[in-house]
C-alpha atoms as a PDB file:
ATOM      1  CA  UNK A   1     327.386 -46.724  32.654  1.00  0.00           C
ATOM      2  CA  UNK A   2     328.171 -50.112  33.574  1.00  0.00           C
ATOM      3  CA  UNK A   3     327.736 -52.043  30.474  1.00  0.00           C
ATOM      4  CA  UNK A   4     328.195 -56.050  29.875  1.00  0.00           C
ATOM      5  CA  UNK A   5     328.924 -57.393  26.504  1.00  0.00           C
ATOM      6  CA  UNK A   6     328.995 -60.998  25.730  1.00  0.00           C
ATOM      7  CA  UNK A   7     330.807 -62.093  22.420  1.00  0.00           C
ATOM      8  CA  UNK A   8     334.541 -61.914  23.876  1.00  0.00           C
ATOM      9  CA  UNK A   9     336.516 -60.528  21.480  1.00  0.00           C
ATOM     10  CA  UNK A  10     334.578 -61.230  18.455  1.00  0.00           C
ATOM     11  CA  UNK A  11     334.018 -59.333  15.445  1.00  0.00           C
ATOM     12  CA  UNK A  12     331.095 -57.086  16.816  1.00  0.00           C
ATOM     13  CA  UNK A  13     332.337 -57.529  20.383  1.00  0.00           C
ATOM     14  CA  UNK A  14     335.783 -55.846  20.123  1.00  0.00           C
ATOM     15  CA  UNK A  15     335.139 -52.675  18.219  1.00  0.00           C
ATOM     16  CA  UNK A  16     331.895 -52.379  20.479  1.00  0.00           C
ATOM     17  CA  UNK A  17     334.194 -52.510  23.433  1.00  0.00           C
ATOM     18  CA  UNK A  18     336.615 -49.788  22.187  1.00  0.00           C
ATOM     19  CA  UNK A  19     333.422 -47.410  21.207  1.00  0.00           C
ATOM     20  CA  UNK A  20     332.258 -47.639  24.605  1.00  0.00           C
ATOM     21  CA  UNK A  21     335.418 -47.361  26.412  1.00  0.00           C
ATOM     22  CA  UNK A  22     336.397 -44.330  24.620  1.00  0.00           C
ATOM     23  CA  UNK A  23     333.161 -42.809  25.340  1.00  0.00           C
ATOM     24  CA  UNK A  24     334.053 -43.290  29.221  1.00  0.00           C
ATOM     25  CA  UNK A  25     331.750 -46.292  30.076  1.00  0.00           C
ATOM     26  CA  UNK A  26     332.621 -48.913  32.750  1.00  0.00           C
ATOM     27  CA  UNK A  27     332.891 -52.096  30.083  1.00  0.00           C
ATOM     28  CA  UNK A  28     332.744 -55.732  31.493  1.00  0.00           C
ATOM     29  CA  UNK A  29     333.016 -58.425  28.551  1.00  0.00           C
ATOM     30  CA  UNK A  30     332.101 -62.256  29.293  1.00  0.00           C
ATOM     31  CA  UNK A  31     334.660 -64.664  27.684  1.00  0.00           C
ATOM     32  CA  UNK A  32     334.778 -68.429  28.104  1.00  0.00           C
ATOM     33  CA  UNK A  33     338.837 -68.254  27.517  1.00  0.00           C
ATOM     34  CA  UNK A  34     341.164 -66.967  30.403  1.00  0.00           C
ATOM     35  CA  UNK A  35     343.891 -66.220  28.063  1.00  0.00           C
ATOM     36  CA  UNK A  36     341.464 -63.755  26.538  1.00  0.00           C
ATOM     37  CA  UNK A  37     341.806 -61.452  29.881  1.00  0.00           C
ATOM     38  CA  UNK A  38     345.168 -59.531  28.991  1.00  0.00           C
ATOM     39  CA  UNK A  39     343.843 -58.552  25.509  1.00  0.00           C
ATOM     40  CA  UNK A  40     340.442 -57.364  27.181  1.00  0.00           C
ATOM     41  CA  UNK A  41     341.887 -55.550  29.422  1.00  0.00           C
ATOM     42  CA  UNK A  42     344.148 -53.547  26.981  1.00  0.00           C
ATOM     43  CA  UNK A  43     340.514 -52.459  25.458  1.00  0.00           C
ATOM     44  CA  UNK A  44     340.133 -50.931  28.753  1.00  0.00           C
ATOM     45  CA  UNK A  45     337.464 -53.312  29.933  1.00  0.00           C
ATOM     46  CA  UNK A  46     337.147 -55.860  32.568  1.00  0.00           C
ATOM     47  CA  UNK A  47     337.499 -59.653  31.663  1.00  0.00           C
ATOM     48  CA  UNK A  48     334.529 -61.885  33.335  1.00  0.00           C
ATOM     49  CA  UNK A  49     335.433 -65.338  32.514  1.00  0.00           C
ATOM     50  CA  UNK A  50     332.501 -67.757  32.054  1.00  0.00           C
ATOM     51  CA  UNK A  51     330.435 -69.449  29.758  1.00  0.00           C
ATOM     52  CA  UNK A  52     327.090 -67.885  28.431  1.00  0.00           C
ATOM     53  CA  UNK A  53     325.735 -71.709  28.696  1.00  0.00           C
ATOM     54  CA  UNK A  54     325.730 -70.924  32.581  1.00  0.00           C
ATOM     55  CA  UNK A  55     322.489 -69.349  33.554  1.00  0.00           C
ATOM     56  CA  UNK A  56     323.914 -68.991  36.911  1.00  0.00           C
ATOM     57  CA  UNK A  57     327.247 -67.358  36.006  1.00  0.00           C
ATOM     58  CA  UNK A  58     325.385 -64.760  33.796  1.00  0.00           C
ATOM     59  CA  UNK A  59     322.924 -63.935  36.398  1.00  0.00           C
ATOM     60  CA  UNK A  60     325.735 -62.856  38.593  1.00  0.00           C
ATOM     61  CA  UNK A  61     328.005 -61.358  36.051  1.00  0.00           C
ATOM     62  CA  UNK A  62     324.674 -59.395  34.888  1.00  0.00           C
ATOM     63  CA  UNK A  63     323.703 -58.145  38.124  1.00  0.00           C
ATOM     64  CA  UNK A  64     324.472 -54.621  39.034  1.00  0.00           C
ATOM     65  CA  UNK A  65     324.530 -53.646  35.373  1.00  0.00           C
ATOM     66  CA  UNK A  66     323.074 -50.704  33.701  1.00  0.00           C
ATOM     67  CA  UNK A  67     323.079 -52.468  30.277  1.00  0.00           C
ATOM     68  CA  UNK A  68     324.062 -55.599  28.407  1.00  0.00           C
ATOM     69  CA  UNK A  69     324.531 -56.792  25.074  1.00  0.00           C
ATOM     70  CA  UNK A  70     323.539 -60.822  24.511  1.00  0.00           C
ATOM     71  CA  UNK A  71     324.515 -62.861  21.223  1.00  0.00           C
ATOM     72  CA  UNK A  72     324.443 -66.222  20.507  1.00  0.00           C
ATOM     73  CA  UNK A  73     328.031 -67.428  20.153  1.00  0.00           C
ATOM     74  CA  UNK A  74     329.241 -69.130  16.631  1.00  0.00           C
ATOM     75  CA  UNK A  75     329.050 -72.638  16.519  1.00  0.00           C
ATOM     76  CA  UNK A  76     331.351 -75.493  14.862  1.00  0.00           C
ATOM     77  CA  UNK A  77     329.157 -76.440  11.420  1.00  0.00           C
ATOM     78  CA  UNK A  78     331.236 -79.470  10.735  1.00  0.00           C
ATOM     79  CA  UNK A  79     330.837 -80.943  14.232  1.00  0.00           C
ATOM     80  CA  UNK A  80     328.824 -84.140  13.946  1.00  0.00           C
ATOM     81  CA  UNK A  81     327.308 -83.936  17.461  1.00  0.00           C
ATOM     82  CA  UNK A  82     326.427 -80.345  17.393  1.00  0.00           C
ATOM     83  CA  UNK A  83     322.336 -80.160  18.287  1.00  0.00           C
ATOM     84  CA  UNK A  84     322.464 -76.236  16.586  1.00  0.00           C
ATOM     85  CA  UNK A  85     318.860 -75.795  17.650  1.00  0.00           C
ATOM     86  CA  UNK A  86     319.410 -76.957  21.393  1.00  0.00           C
ATOM     87  CA  UNK A  87     322.488 -74.894  21.586  1.00  0.00           C
ATOM     88  CA  UNK A  88     320.954 -71.755  20.229  1.00  0.00           C
ATOM     89  CA  UNK A  89     317.663 -72.183  22.451  1.00  0.00           C
ATOM     90  CA  UNK A  90     319.739 -72.898  25.417  1.00  0.00           C
ATOM     91  CA  UNK A  91     321.485 -69.857  25.543  1.00  0.00           C
ATOM     92  CA  UNK A  92     318.522 -67.869  24.646  1.00  0.00           C
ATOM     93  CA  UNK A  93     316.703 -69.169  27.586  1.00  0.00           C
ATOM     94  CA  UNK A  94     319.953 -68.437  29.883  1.00  0.00           C
ATOM     95  CA  UNK A  95     319.682 -65.121  28.851  1.00  0.00           C
ATOM     96  CA  UNK A  96     316.170 -64.511  29.555  1.00  0.00           C
ATOM     97  CA  UNK A  97     316.697 -66.128  33.067  1.00  0.00           C
ATOM     98  CA  UNK A  98     319.609 -63.872  33.827  1.00  0.00           C
ATOM     99  CA  UNK A  99     317.977 -60.731  32.707  1.00  0.00           C
ATOM    100  CA  UNK A 100     315.228 -61.482  34.840  1.00  0.00           C
ATOM    101  CA  UNK A 101     316.994 -62.501  38.050  1.00  0.00           C
ATOM    102  CA  UNK A 102     319.574 -59.766  37.540  1.00  0.00           C
ATOM    103  CA  UNK A 103     317.259 -57.291  37.385  1.00  0.00           C
ATOM    104  CA  UNK A 104     318.998 -55.312  34.484  1.00  0.00           C
ATOM    105  CA  UNK A 105     316.749 -52.686  32.818  1.00  0.00           C
ATOM    106  CA  UNK A 106     318.292 -52.130  29.094  1.00  0.00           C
ATOM    107  CA  UNK A 107     319.102 -54.971  26.870  1.00  0.00           C
ATOM    108  CA  UNK A 108     320.395 -55.268  23.103  1.00  0.00           C
ATOM    109  CA  UNK A 109     320.405 -58.659  21.946  1.00  0.00           C
ATOM    110  CA  UNK A 110     321.831 -59.684  18.442  1.00  0.00           C
ATOM    111  CA  UNK A 111     319.142 -61.129  16.475  1.00  0.00           C
ATOM    112  CA  UNK A 112     319.316 -61.752  12.417  1.00  0.00           C
ATOM    113  CA  UNK A 113     317.430 -60.491   9.288  1.00  0.00           C
ATOM    114  CA  UNK A 114     314.457 -62.750   8.823  1.00  0.00           C
ATOM    115  CA  UNK A 115     314.235 -63.224  12.615  1.00  0.00           C
ATOM    116  CA  UNK A 116     310.122 -62.114  12.142  1.00  0.00           C
ATOM    117  CA  UNK A 117     309.876 -65.379  10.300  1.00  0.00           C
ATOM    118  CA  UNK A 118     308.240 -68.572  12.447  1.00  0.00           C
ATOM    119  CA  UNK A 119     309.549 -70.816   9.672  1.00  0.00           C
ATOM    120  CA  UNK A 120     311.173 -71.202   6.177  1.00  0.00           C
ATOM    121  CA  UNK A 121     314.179 -69.503   7.608  1.00  0.00           C
ATOM    122  CA  UNK A 122     316.689 -71.880   7.937  1.00  0.00           C
ATOM    123  CA  UNK A 123     319.295 -71.980  10.672  1.00  0.00           C
ATOM    124  CA  UNK A 124     318.068 -68.455  11.768  1.00  0.00           C
ATOM    125  CA  UNK A 125     314.429 -69.714  12.813  1.00  0.00           C
ATOM    126  CA  UNK A 126     315.570 -69.777  16.317  1.00  0.00           C
ATOM    127  CA  UNK A 127     315.819 -66.424  16.580  1.00  0.00           C
ATOM    128  CA  UNK A 128     312.286 -65.640  16.033  1.00  0.00           C
ATOM    129  CA  UNK A 129     311.816 -68.287  19.182  1.00  0.00           C
ATOM    130  CA  UNK A 130     314.175 -66.227  21.121  1.00  0.00           C
ATOM    131  CA  UNK A 131     312.974 -62.808  20.547  1.00  0.00           C
ATOM    132  CA  UNK A 132     309.502 -64.410  21.495  1.00  0.00           C
ATOM    133  CA  UNK A 133     311.149 -65.636  25.049  1.00  0.00           C
ATOM    134  CA  UNK A 134     312.476 -62.148  25.488  1.00  0.00           C
ATOM    135  CA  UNK A 135     309.212 -60.188  25.019  1.00  0.00           C
ATOM    136  CA  UNK A 136     307.872 -62.068  27.783  1.00  0.00           C
ATOM    137  CA  UNK A 137     310.001 -60.324  30.240  1.00  0.00           C
ATOM    138  CA  UNK A 138     308.702 -57.283  32.041  1.00  0.00           C
ATOM    139  CA  UNK A 139     310.094 -54.059  32.959  1.00  0.00           C
ATOM    140  CA  UNK A 140     312.816 -54.261  30.851  1.00  0.00           C
ATOM    141  CA  UNK A 141     313.879 -52.393  27.416  1.00  0.00           C
ATOM    142  CA  UNK A 142     315.075 -54.573  24.623  1.00  0.00           C
ATOM    143  CA  UNK A 143     316.419 -53.628  20.865  1.00  0.00           C
ATOM    144  CA  UNK A 144     316.621 -56.614  18.783  1.00  0.00           C
ATOM    145  CA  UNK A 145     319.502 -55.614  16.267  1.00  0.00           C
ATOM    146  CA  UNK A 146     318.810 -57.350  13.347  1.00  0.00           C
ATOM    147  CA  UNK A 147     321.774 -57.288  10.777  1.00  0.00           C
ATOM    148  CA  UNK A 148     321.924 -58.375   7.266  1.00  0.00           C
ATOM    149  CA  UNK A 149     324.477 -60.559   5.459  1.00  0.00           C
ATOM    150  CA  UNK A 150     328.048 -60.229   6.771  1.00  0.00           C
ATOM    151  CA  UNK A 151     330.636 -59.049   4.562  1.00  0.00           C
ATOM    152  CA  UNK A 152     332.942 -61.525   6.166  1.00  0.00           C
ATOM    153  CA  UNK A 153     330.733 -64.444   5.078  1.00  0.00           C
ATOM    154  CA  UNK A 154     332.031 -63.892   1.669  1.00  0.00           C
ATOM    155  CA  UNK A 155     335.426 -65.312   2.818  1.00  0.00           C
ATOM    156  CA  UNK A 156     333.767 -68.739   2.163  1.00  0.00           C
ATOM    157  CA  UNK A 157     334.098 -68.131  -1.227  1.00  0.00           C
ATOM    158  CA  UNK A 158     338.060 -67.999  -1.274  1.00  0.00           C
ATOM    159  CA  UNK A 159     338.513 -71.978  -2.063  1.00  0.00           C
ATOM    160  CA  UNK A 160     335.749 -71.817  -4.996  1.00  0.00           C
ATOM    161  CA  UNK A 161     337.523 -68.595  -6.439  1.00  0.00           C
ATOM    162  CA  UNK A 162     340.605 -69.947  -6.237  1.00  0.00           C
ATOM    163  CA  UNK A 163     339.824 -73.601  -7.293  1.00  0.00           C
ATOM    164  CA  UNK A 164     336.987 -72.791  -9.904  1.00  0.00           C
ATOM    165  CA  UNK A 165     337.537 -69.077 -10.854  1.00  0.00           C
ATOM    166  CA  UNK A 166     334.062 -68.017 -10.002  1.00  0.00           C
ATOM    167  CA  UNK A 167     331.282 -67.365  -6.702  1.00  0.00           C
ATOM    168  CA  UNK A 168     328.560 -70.059  -6.590  1.00  0.00           C
ATOM    169  CA  UNK A 169     325.364 -69.430  -4.569  1.00  0.00           C
ATOM    170  CA  UNK A 170     321.864 -70.213  -4.534  1.00  0.00           C
ATOM    171  CA  UNK A 171     321.245 -66.593  -3.911  1.00  0.00           C
ATOM    172  CA  UNK A 172     322.597 -63.331  -5.739  1.00  0.00           C
ATOM    173  CA  UNK A 173     322.520 -62.948  -9.277  1.00  0.00           C
ATOM    174  CA  UNK A 174     320.599 -59.711 -10.083  1.00  0.00           C
ATOM    175  CA  UNK A 175     318.679 -59.989  -6.957  1.00  0.00           C
ATOM    176  CA  UNK A 176     319.983 -57.367  -4.320  1.00  0.00           C
ATOM    177  CA  UNK A 177     321.842 -58.517  -1.234  1.00  0.00           C
ATOM    178  CA  UNK A 178     322.032 -56.488   1.971  1.00  0.00           C
ATOM    179  CA  UNK A 179     325.632 -56.533   3.172  1.00  0.00           C
ATOM    180  CA  UNK A 180     326.831 -55.156   6.503  1.00  0.00           C
ATOM    181  CA  UNK A 181     330.112 -54.583   8.172  1.00  0.00           C
ATOM    182  CA  UNK A 182     330.548 -55.544  12.004  1.00  0.00           C
ATOM    183  CA  UNK A 183     331.921 -52.059  12.710  1.00  0.00           C
ATOM    184  CA  UNK A 184     328.306 -50.646  11.545  1.00  0.00           C
ATOM    185  CA  UNK A 185     326.742 -53.068  13.575  1.00  0.00           C
ATOM    186  CA  UNK A 186     329.282 -52.086  16.725  1.00  0.00           C
ATOM    187  CA  UNK A 187     328.314 -48.300  16.141  1.00  0.00           C
ATOM    188  CA  UNK A 188     324.431 -49.264  16.242  1.00  0.00           C
ATOM    189  CA  UNK A 189     324.718 -51.416  19.173  1.00  0.00           C
ATOM    190  CA  UNK A 190     326.537 -48.643  20.950  1.00  0.00           C
ATOM    191  CA  UNK A 191     323.801 -46.079  20.444  1.00  0.00           C
ATOM    192  CA  UNK A 192     321.105 -48.442  21.539  1.00  0.00           C
ATOM    193  CA  UNK A 193     323.084 -49.441  24.831  1.00  0.00           C
ATOM    194  CA  UNK A 194     323.175 -45.783  25.666  1.00  0.00           C
ATOM    195  CA  UNK A 195     319.889 -44.360  24.592  1.00  0.00           C
ATOM    196  CA  UNK A 196     317.214 -44.813  27.006  1.00  0.00           C
ATOM    197  CA  UNK A 197     313.921 -46.727  25.594  1.00  0.00           C
ATOM    198  CA  UNK A 198     310.425 -47.787  26.873  1.00  0.00           C
ATOM    199  CA  UNK A 199     309.596 -51.294  25.991  1.00  0.00           C
ATOM    200  CA  UNK A 200     311.082 -53.306  23.087  1.00  0.00           C
ATOM    201  CA  UNK A 201     312.045 -52.327  19.339  1.00  0.00           C
ATOM    202  CA  UNK A 202     313.555 -53.988  16.140  1.00  0.00           C
ATOM    203  CA  UNK A 203     316.339 -52.102  14.475  1.00  0.00           C
ATOM    204  CA  UNK A 204     317.738 -53.378  11.268  1.00  0.00           C
ATOM    205  CA  UNK A 205     321.329 -52.387  10.361  1.00  0.00           C
ATOM    206  CA  UNK A 206     323.048 -52.607   6.835  1.00  0.00           C
ATOM    207  CA  UNK A 207     325.980 -51.080   5.071  1.00  0.00           C
ATOM    208  CA  UNK A 208     325.238 -51.407   1.724  1.00  0.00           C
ATOM    209  CA  UNK A 209     322.610 -53.032  -0.965  1.00  0.00           C
ATOM    210  CA  UNK A 210     324.390 -54.563  -3.631  1.00  0.00           C
ATOM    211  CA  UNK A 211     323.460 -57.460  -6.093  1.00  0.00           C
ATOM    212  CA  UNK A 212     325.458 -60.547  -6.446  1.00  0.00           C
ATOM    213  CA  UNK A 213     327.045 -59.777  -9.864  1.00  0.00           C
ATOM    214  CA  UNK A 214     328.331 -56.579  -8.645  1.00  0.00           C
ATOM    215  CA  UNK A 215     329.412 -58.095  -5.517  1.00  0.00           C
ATOM    216  CA  UNK A 216     331.458 -60.142  -7.585  1.00  0.00           C
ATOM    217  CA  UNK A 217     332.993 -57.483  -9.468  1.00  0.00           C
ATOM    218  CA  UNK A 218     333.909 -55.284  -6.563  1.00  0.00           C
ATOM    219  CA  UNK A 219     335.712 -58.350  -4.929  1.00  0.00           C
ATOM    220  CA  UNK A 220     337.248 -59.296  -8.390  1.00  0.00           C
ATOM    221  CA  UNK A 221     338.626 -56.026  -8.805  1.00  0.00           C
ATOM    222  CA  UNK A 222     340.246 -56.115  -5.204  1.00  0.00           C
ATOM    223  CA  UNK A 223     341.892 -59.586  -5.994  1.00  0.00           C
ATOM    224  CA  UNK A 224     343.083 -58.749  -9.673  1.00  0.00           C
ATOM    225  CA  UNK A 225     340.458 -60.894 -11.270  1.00  0.00           C
ATOM    226  CA  UNK A 226     338.242 -58.188 -12.871  1.00  0.00           C
ATOM    227  CA  UNK A 227     335.980 -60.748 -14.239  1.00  0.00           C
ATOM    228  CA  UNK A 228     335.236 -62.555 -11.202  1.00  0.00           C
ATOM    229  CA  UNK A 229     331.257 -63.712 -11.697  1.00  0.00           C
ATOM    230  CA  UNK A 230     328.612 -64.811  -9.228  1.00  0.00           C
ATOM    231  CA  UNK A 231     327.147 -67.823 -10.867  1.00  0.00           C
ATOM    232  CA  UNK A 232     323.717 -68.967  -9.406  1.00  0.00           C
ATOM    233  CA  UNK A 233     323.164 -72.561  -8.795  1.00  0.00           C
ATOM    234  CA  UNK A 234     320.565 -74.630  -7.490  1.00  0.00           C
ATOM    235  CA  UNK A 235     319.756 -75.373  -3.538  1.00  0.00           C
ATOM    236  CA  UNK A 236     320.407 -79.012  -4.142  1.00  0.00           C
ATOM    237  CA  UNK A 237     324.198 -78.067  -5.766  1.00  0.00           C
ATOM    238  CA  UNK A 238     324.635 -76.178  -2.690  1.00  0.00           C
ATOM    239  CA  UNK A 239     323.246 -78.517  -0.143  1.00  0.00           C
ATOM    240  CA  UNK A 240     325.521 -81.496  -1.722  1.00  0.00           C
ATOM    241  CA  UNK A 241     328.458 -79.035  -1.832  1.00  0.00           C
ATOM    242  CA  UNK A 242     328.312 -78.480   1.605  1.00  0.00           C
ATOM    243  CA  UNK A 243     327.706 -81.854   2.696  1.00  0.00           C
ATOM    244  CA  UNK A 244     330.813 -82.663   0.606  1.00  0.00           C
ATOM    245  CA  UNK A 245     333.459 -80.490   2.324  1.00  0.00           C
ATOM    246  CA  UNK A 246     331.838 -81.986   5.566  1.00  0.00           C
ATOM    247  CA  UNK A 247     329.272 -79.804   7.129  1.00  0.00           C
ATOM    248  CA  UNK A 248     326.447 -81.383   9.415  1.00  0.00           C
ATOM    249  CA  UNK A 249     323.618 -82.316   6.918  1.00  0.00           C
ATOM    250  CA  UNK A 250     321.121 -80.835   8.981  1.00  0.00           C
ATOM    251  CA  UNK A 251     322.926 -77.601   9.466  1.00  0.00           C
ATOM    252  CA  UNK A 252     323.740 -77.478   5.523  1.00  0.00           C
ATOM    253  CA  UNK A 253     320.355 -77.640   4.925  1.00  0.00           C
ATOM    254  CA  UNK A 254     319.309 -74.964   7.160  1.00  0.00           C
ATOM    255  CA  UNK A 255     321.945 -72.755   5.504  1.00  0.00           C
ATOM    256  CA  UNK A 256     320.523 -73.611   2.013  1.00  0.00           C
ATOM    257  CA  UNK A 257     317.118 -72.752   3.291  1.00  0.00           C
ATOM    258  CA  UNK A 258     317.973 -69.412   4.702  1.00  0.00           C
ATOM    259  CA  UNK A 259     319.849 -68.298   1.554  1.00  0.00           C
ATOM    260  CA  UNK A 260     316.940 -69.438  -0.699  1.00  0.00           C
ATOM    261  CA  UNK A 261     314.908 -67.347   1.462  1.00  0.00           C
ATOM    262  CA  UNK A 262     317.090 -64.457   1.151  1.00  0.00           C
ATOM    263  CA  UNK A 263     316.898 -64.893  -2.957  1.00  0.00           C
ATOM    264  CA  UNK A 264     313.170 -65.339  -3.270  1.00  0.00           C
ATOM    265  CA  UNK A 265     312.399 -62.280  -0.809  1.00  0.00           C
ATOM    266  CA  UNK A 266     311.034 -64.216   2.268  1.00  0.00           C
ATOM    267  CA  UNK A 267     313.932 -63.732   4.413  1.00  0.00           C
ATOM    268  CA  UNK A 268     314.121 -59.435   3.680  1.00  0.00           C
ATOM    269  CA  UNK A 269     310.386 -58.769   3.757  1.00  0.00           C
ATOM    270  CA  UNK A 270     310.301 -57.284   6.848  1.00  0.00           C
ATOM    271  CA  UNK A 271     313.808 -55.501   6.350  1.00  0.00           C
ATOM    272  CA  UNK A 272     312.574 -53.899   3.148  1.00  0.00           C
ATOM    273  CA  UNK A 273     309.425 -52.635   4.960  1.00  0.00           C
ATOM    274  CA  UNK A 274     312.065 -51.556   7.736  1.00  0.00           C
ATOM    275  CA  UNK A 275     315.072 -50.347   6.188  1.00  0.00           C
ATOM    276  CA  UNK A 276     317.876 -48.192   8.059  1.00  0.00           C
ATOM    277  CA  UNK A 277     316.995 -44.585   7.688  1.00  0.00           C
ATOM    278  CA  UNK A 278     320.849 -44.377   7.067  1.00  0.00           C
ATOM    279  CA  UNK A 279     323.158 -47.344   5.663  1.00  0.00           C
ATOM    280  CA  UNK A 280     326.537 -48.029   7.719  1.00  0.00           C
ATOM    281  CA  UNK A 281     329.709 -46.024   6.580  1.00  0.00           C
ATOM    282  CA  UNK A 282     331.589 -49.361   5.305  1.00  0.00           C
ATOM    283  CA  UNK A 283     330.856 -49.916   1.893  1.00  0.00           C
ATOM    284  CA  UNK A 284     331.647 -53.317   0.045  1.00  0.00           C
ATOM    285  CA  UNK A 285     334.770 -51.421  -1.753  1.00  0.00           C
ATOM    286  CA  UNK A 286     336.141 -50.585   1.612  1.00  0.00           C
ATOM    287  CA  UNK A 287     335.821 -54.410   2.775  1.00  0.00           C
ATOM    288  CA  UNK A 288     337.047 -55.863  -0.400  1.00  0.00           C
ATOM    289  CA  UNK A 289     340.512 -54.558   0.573  1.00  0.00           C
ATOM    290  CA  UNK A 290     340.266 -56.812   3.613  1.00  0.00           C
ATOM    291  CA  UNK A 291     338.933 -59.293   1.416  1.00  0.00           C
ATOM    292  CA  UNK A 292     341.819 -59.112  -0.926  1.00  0.00           C
ATOM    293  CA  UNK A 293     344.592 -59.250   1.854  1.00  0.00           C
ATOM    294  CA  UNK A 294     343.336 -62.635   3.414  1.00  0.00           C
ATOM    295  CA  UNK A 295     342.661 -64.053  -0.304  1.00  0.00           C
ATOM    296  CA  UNK A 296     346.391 -63.385  -0.642  1.00  0.00           C
ATOM    297  CA  UNK A 297     347.473 -65.134   2.198  1.00  0.00           C
ATOM    298  CA  UNK A 298     345.811 -68.522   1.389  1.00  0.00           C
END
């Protein structure tokens, strides 16, 4: 199959490309950075240099493909000029236009847990909107991949662990957190891209469900702090902390609302109704080794 991947050499797209190349597929990777071309080619893929913010470029890139993987690139939450809603909406609309005009028939879109919500989901609310836009496309099969909380988001707590000696958040504690590894997401996406489908479907992917306190214990053991605690704090405290370190206030508020939804169950209500039949292979104890390596370098 000829498959186009967005996401450049990111945490999901790189292992995804490796899986698909190993299976003998013809893979092209879209990247906005020309300097990534050599590394992309070392994976056995073709580099297609351009921006997902350019609908004409995307249409040309998708034309002739058997399947495409679409994702929204990460944005700089500390950029005071970033309009995150407009950024996300624009790229989602570009994907819809490119899919329609290119005639591609099989698509996997990286959405998110909580994308079933039209409101009260914070910064991921736009994924509900994008799914709605893509649902209007006819004669194309689409899988909406909805991963849970990424393991690597835990890296953001390294400064607090070093400076305060604990993890603090407005979610977790005794409440379960469904964690996921990018490698497990990549494996699921590879399955979807190469499996025929009629219509549209949602697929959740998770690696392990662990509460906040147990998460802290597992990470603590890996970094030599077996007594590491997970401290529940208020929404206001989290918001003030994010703004203090320079995050754009509107985005900070959106993050706080998203995590509050995870804690009160709103974000995960559809996930728990449709949780994966099998969890991924990478468990938190496995990821904790990577976490410890990064922790010790900082």
